[in-house]
Amino acid sequence: MACTLSQQDIERAVFYHGHMCPGLTLGLRAAEWALEEFGRDGDEDIVCISETDMCAVDAIQALVGCTLGKGNLIFRDTGKIAFSFYRRSDGKAARIVSSAAMIGGAKDGLRRQLLQKQRDGIALSLEEAVLSSKMHKENVARLFSLPFEAIYSVKEPCWELPRRARLMETLTCACCGEGVMESRARLLHGKTYCQTCFKKLDDR
């Protein structure tokens, strides 16, 4: 089945992210599935472990309600477009991972070349700009039209349900004087350091 999200939900995610793109569309399809299977988070009942920090995560934050600030969005960098969802109330859990073969369109190689030119500061010709925009829109439309199963596989999570976020003390770094969460602080010869200052000491 093609995407069933409302236009309002799609617009909310686009507003949150800043623009529509294939990466956000992947996140919208992930969010669509999570909303159907787990519901929308109320107060940290739903947790998401994201294995990517690309555009897709913003759709999950905007629509599912799993956010870094609430502590129910956790980033584990595996380099995969994969998301594990957990519902604390009943223990339900599942992981979805993208099918690499289905992410890019038939002209994905050319699209990536044009994007790389722009990132390298090389201006596209008018013809290239028109082609890039056309392929961009086609890829978004394609990801919206595909059945969910063509984009993601549903598997068992790789990790246990993360514990709830805990309130931590804020300590003062003995070097820079800045506040640092106690779980991220480092202790050396009885003094507390933030990770940045600790690394500087360790590099000496």
Protein backbone atom coordinates (compact mmCIF):
# COMPACT_ATOMS: atom_id res chain seq x y z
CA MET A 1 0.00 0.00 0.00
CA ALA A 2 1.24 3.48 -0.83
CA CYS A 3 1.73 6.13 1.85
CA THR A 4 -1.40 6.79 3.94
CA LEU A 5 -0.14 9.79 5.93
CA SER A 6 -2.35 12.85 5.85
CA GLN A 7 -1.18 15.93 3.99
CA GLN A 8 -1.17 17.72 7.34
CA ASP A 9 1.30 15.21 8.80
CA ILE A 10 3.52 15.43 5.74
CA GLU A 11 3.51 19.23 5.89
CA ARG A 12 4.31 19.13 9.62
CA ALA A 13 7.39 17.01 8.97
CA VAL A 14 8.49 19.18 6.02
CA PHE A 15 8.14 22.30 8.18
CA TYR A 16 10.17 20.66 10.94
CA HIS A 17 12.91 19.50 8.56
CA GLY A 18 12.94 22.57 6.32
CA HIS A 19 12.35 20.97 2.91
CA MET A 20 11.05 17.87 1.17
CA CYS A 21 13.66 15.35 0.01
CA PRO A 22 14.02 11.59 -0.55
CA GLY A 23 15.68 11.21 2.86
CA LEU A 24 12.76 12.83 4.67
CA THR A 25 10.38 10.67 2.62
CA LEU A 26 12.12 7.56 3.97
CA GLY A 27 11.50 8.95 7.44
CA LEU A 28 7.87 9.67 6.64
CA ARG A 29 7.34 6.06 5.58
CA ALA A 30 9.05 4.88 8.79
CA ALA A 31 6.91 7.25 10.87
CA GLU A 32 3.77 6.10 9.04
CA TRP A 33 4.52 2.50 10.01
CA ALA A 34 5.42 3.41 13.61
CA LEU A 35 2.19 5.38 14.07
CA GLU A 36 0.13 2.45 12.83
CA GLU A 37 2.00 -0.16 14.89
CA PHE A 38 2.90 1.77 18.06
CA GLY A 39 0.85 4.98 18.06
CA ARG A 40 2.01 8.53 18.76
CA ASP A 41 4.14 9.04 21.86
CA GLY A 42 2.53 10.78 24.79
CA ASP A 43 5.11 10.90 27.57
CA GLU A 44 8.16 8.80 26.71
CA ASP A 45 6.17 5.56 26.38
CA ILE A 46 7.48 5.02 22.85
CA VAL A 47 11.23 4.85 22.29
CA CYS A 48 13.13 4.87 19.01
CA ILE A 49 16.72 3.83 18.44
CA SER A 50 17.90 5.38 15.17
CA GLU A 51 20.91 3.93 13.39
CA THR A 52 21.25 7.01 11.17
CA ASP A 53 21.44 10.77 11.67
CA MET A 54 20.22 11.65 8.17
CA CYS A 55 17.05 13.49 7.15
CA ALA A 56 14.71 10.59 7.95
CA VAL A 57 15.09 11.05 11.73
CA ASP A 58 13.35 14.43 11.59
CA ALA A 59 10.10 12.86 10.37
CA ILE A 60 10.14 10.49 13.35
CA GLN A 61 10.75 13.36 15.76
CA ALA A 62 8.02 15.49 14.17
CA LEU A 63 5.32 12.81 13.86
CA VAL A 64 5.98 9.96 16.30
CA GLY A 65 7.17 12.18 19.14
CA CYS A 66 10.46 10.42 19.83
CA THR A 67 12.98 13.22 20.36
CA LEU A 68 16.50 13.71 21.63
CA GLY A 69 15.29 16.26 24.14
CA LYS A 70 12.85 13.83 25.80
CA GLY A 71 15.44 11.07 25.85
CA ASN A 72 13.25 8.64 23.92
CA LEU A 73 15.25 8.99 20.69
CA ILE A 74 18.64 7.31 20.89
CA PHE A 75 21.27 7.48 18.15
CA ARG A 76 23.51 4.48 17.51
CA ASP A 77 25.62 5.05 14.43
CA THR A 78 25.69 1.82 12.42
CA GLY A 79 25.51 3.62 9.08
CA LYS A 80 22.19 1.93 8.29
CA ILE A 81 18.79 3.47 7.63
CA ALA A 82 17.19 1.47 10.40
CA PHE A 83 14.92 2.27 13.34
CA SER A 84 13.99 0.18 16.37
CA PHE A 85 10.74 1.10 18.12
CA TYR A 86 9.70 0.07 21.63
CA ARG A 87 6.47 0.62 23.59
CA ARG A 88 7.04 0.58 27.32
CA SER A 89 3.39 -0.02 28.25
CA ASP A 90 3.25 -3.53 26.80
CA GLY A 91 6.82 -4.35 25.74
CA LYS A 92 6.08 -4.37 22.03
CA ALA A 93 9.24 -3.91 19.95
CA ALA A 94 10.33 -4.12 16.31
CA ARG A 95 13.15 -2.93 14.08
CA ILE A 96 12.72 -1.74 10.50
CA VAL A 97 15.66 -1.53 8.11
CA SER A 98 15.68 -0.16 4.61
CA SER A 99 16.22 -2.26 1.54
CA ALA A 100 19.28 -0.65 -0.05
CA ALA A 101 18.22 -1.71 -3.54
CA MET A 102 14.95 0.19 -3.22
CA ILE A 103 16.22 3.51 -1.85
CA GLY A 104 17.71 4.96 -5.01
CA GLY A 105 15.88 5.27 -8.30
CA ALA A 106 17.12 4.02 -11.64
CA LYS A 107 18.93 7.32 -12.24
CA ASP A 108 20.27 7.54 -8.69
CA GLY A 109 23.92 7.48 -9.79
CA LEU A 110 23.47 10.57 -11.95
CA ARG A 111 21.45 12.32 -9.22
CA ARG A 112 24.24 11.70 -6.73
CA GLN A 113 26.83 13.08 -9.17
CA LEU A 114 24.84 16.28 -9.54
CA LEU A 115 24.37 16.61 -5.78
CA GLN A 116 28.10 16.09 -5.25
CA LYS A 117 28.89 18.83 -7.75
CA GLN A 118 26.72 21.23 -5.76
CA ARG A 119 28.35 20.18 -2.48
CA ASP A 120 31.75 20.78 -4.06
CA GLY A 121 30.66 24.33 -4.90
CA ILE A 122 30.39 23.67 -8.62
CA ALA A 123 27.43 25.45 -10.21
CA LEU A 124 25.10 23.26 -12.23
CA SER A 125 24.23 24.22 -15.75
CA LEU A 126 20.61 25.17 -16.37
CA GLU A 127 20.03 21.81 -18.00
CA GLU A 128 21.62 19.96 -15.06
CA ALA A 129 19.62 21.99 -12.51
CA VAL A 130 16.34 21.20 -14.25
CA LEU A 131 17.28 17.51 -14.49
CA SER A 132 18.34 17.37 -10.84
CA SER A 133 15.07 18.92 -9.67
CA LYS A 134 13.06 16.54 -11.86
CA MET A 135 14.87 13.45 -10.53
CA HIS A 136 14.54 14.74 -6.97
CA LYS A 137 10.76 15.04 -7.29
CA GLU A 138 10.48 11.69 -9.08
CA ASN A 139 12.39 9.93 -6.31
CA VAL A 140 10.18 11.48 -3.61
CA ALA A 141 7.04 10.45 -5.54
CA ARG A 142 8.41 6.94 -6.04
CA LEU A 143 9.10 6.45 -2.32
CA PHE A 144 5.59 7.67 -1.49
CA SER A 145 4.02 5.29 -4.01
CA LEU A 146 5.89 2.11 -3.09
CA PRO A 147 4.39 -0.35 -0.61
CA PHE A 148 6.10 -0.17 2.78
CA GLU A 149 7.46 -3.72 2.36
CA ALA A 150 9.43 -2.63 -0.71
CA ILE A 151 11.31 -0.03 1.32
CA TYR A 152 11.69 -1.60 4.77
CA SER A 153 12.00 -5.06 6.26
CA VAL A 154 10.59 -5.68 9.73
CA LYS A 155 12.91 -7.54 12.10
CA GLU A 156 13.60 -8.14 15.79
CA PRO A 157 15.48 -5.30 17.54
CA CYS A 158 19.21 -5.70 18.09
CA TRP A 159 19.06 -4.05 21.52
CA GLU A 160 16.99 -4.34 24.68
CA LEU A 161 14.50 -1.65 25.63
CA PRO A 162 16.55 1.37 26.76
CA ARG A 163 15.95 2.54 30.31
CA ARG A 164 14.17 5.80 30.92
CA ALA A 165 16.20 9.00 30.82
CA ARG A 166 17.53 9.88 34.27
CA LEU A 167 18.11 13.27 35.85
CA MET A 168 21.83 13.83 36.33
CA GLU A 169 23.86 16.21 38.45
CA THR A 170 25.71 18.98 36.64
CA LEU A 171 29.38 19.10 37.64
CA THR A 172 31.94 21.82 36.98
CA CYS A 173 34.97 21.09 34.82
CA ALA A 174 38.19 21.88 36.71
CA CYS A 175 39.77 23.22 33.50
CA CYS A 176 37.23 25.25 31.52
CA GLY A 177 34.75 25.87 34.33
CA GLU A 178 31.80 24.77 32.22
CA GLY A 179 28.98 22.57 33.49
CA VAL A 180 29.04 18.93 32.43
CA MET A 181 26.53 16.12 33.02
CA GLU A 182 27.98 13.74 35.63
CA SER A 183 27.58 10.69 33.37
CA ARG A 184 29.77 12.38 30.73
CA ALA A 185 32.40 13.76 33.11
CA ARG A 186 35.89 12.31 33.54
CA LEU A 187 37.81 12.03 36.82
CA LEU A 188 41.59 12.43 36.95
CA HIS A 189 43.64 12.74 40.15
CA GLY A 190 40.54 13.68 42.09
CA LYS A 191 39.49 16.44 39.69
CA THR A 192 36.47 16.50 37.40
CA TYR A 193 36.90 17.30 33.70
CA CYS A 194 34.60 17.57 30.71
CA GLN A 195 35.44 15.24 27.84
CA THR A 196 36.95 18.04 25.72
CA CYS A 197 39.41 19.12 28.41
CA PHE A 198 40.12 15.55 29.41
CA LYS A 199 41.14 14.76 25.82
CA LYS A 200 43.47 17.77 25.77
CA LEU A 201 45.12 16.51 28.96
CA ASP A 202 45.33 13.00 27.54
CA ASP A 203 46.94 14.28 24.30
CA ARG A 204 49.78 16.00 26.14
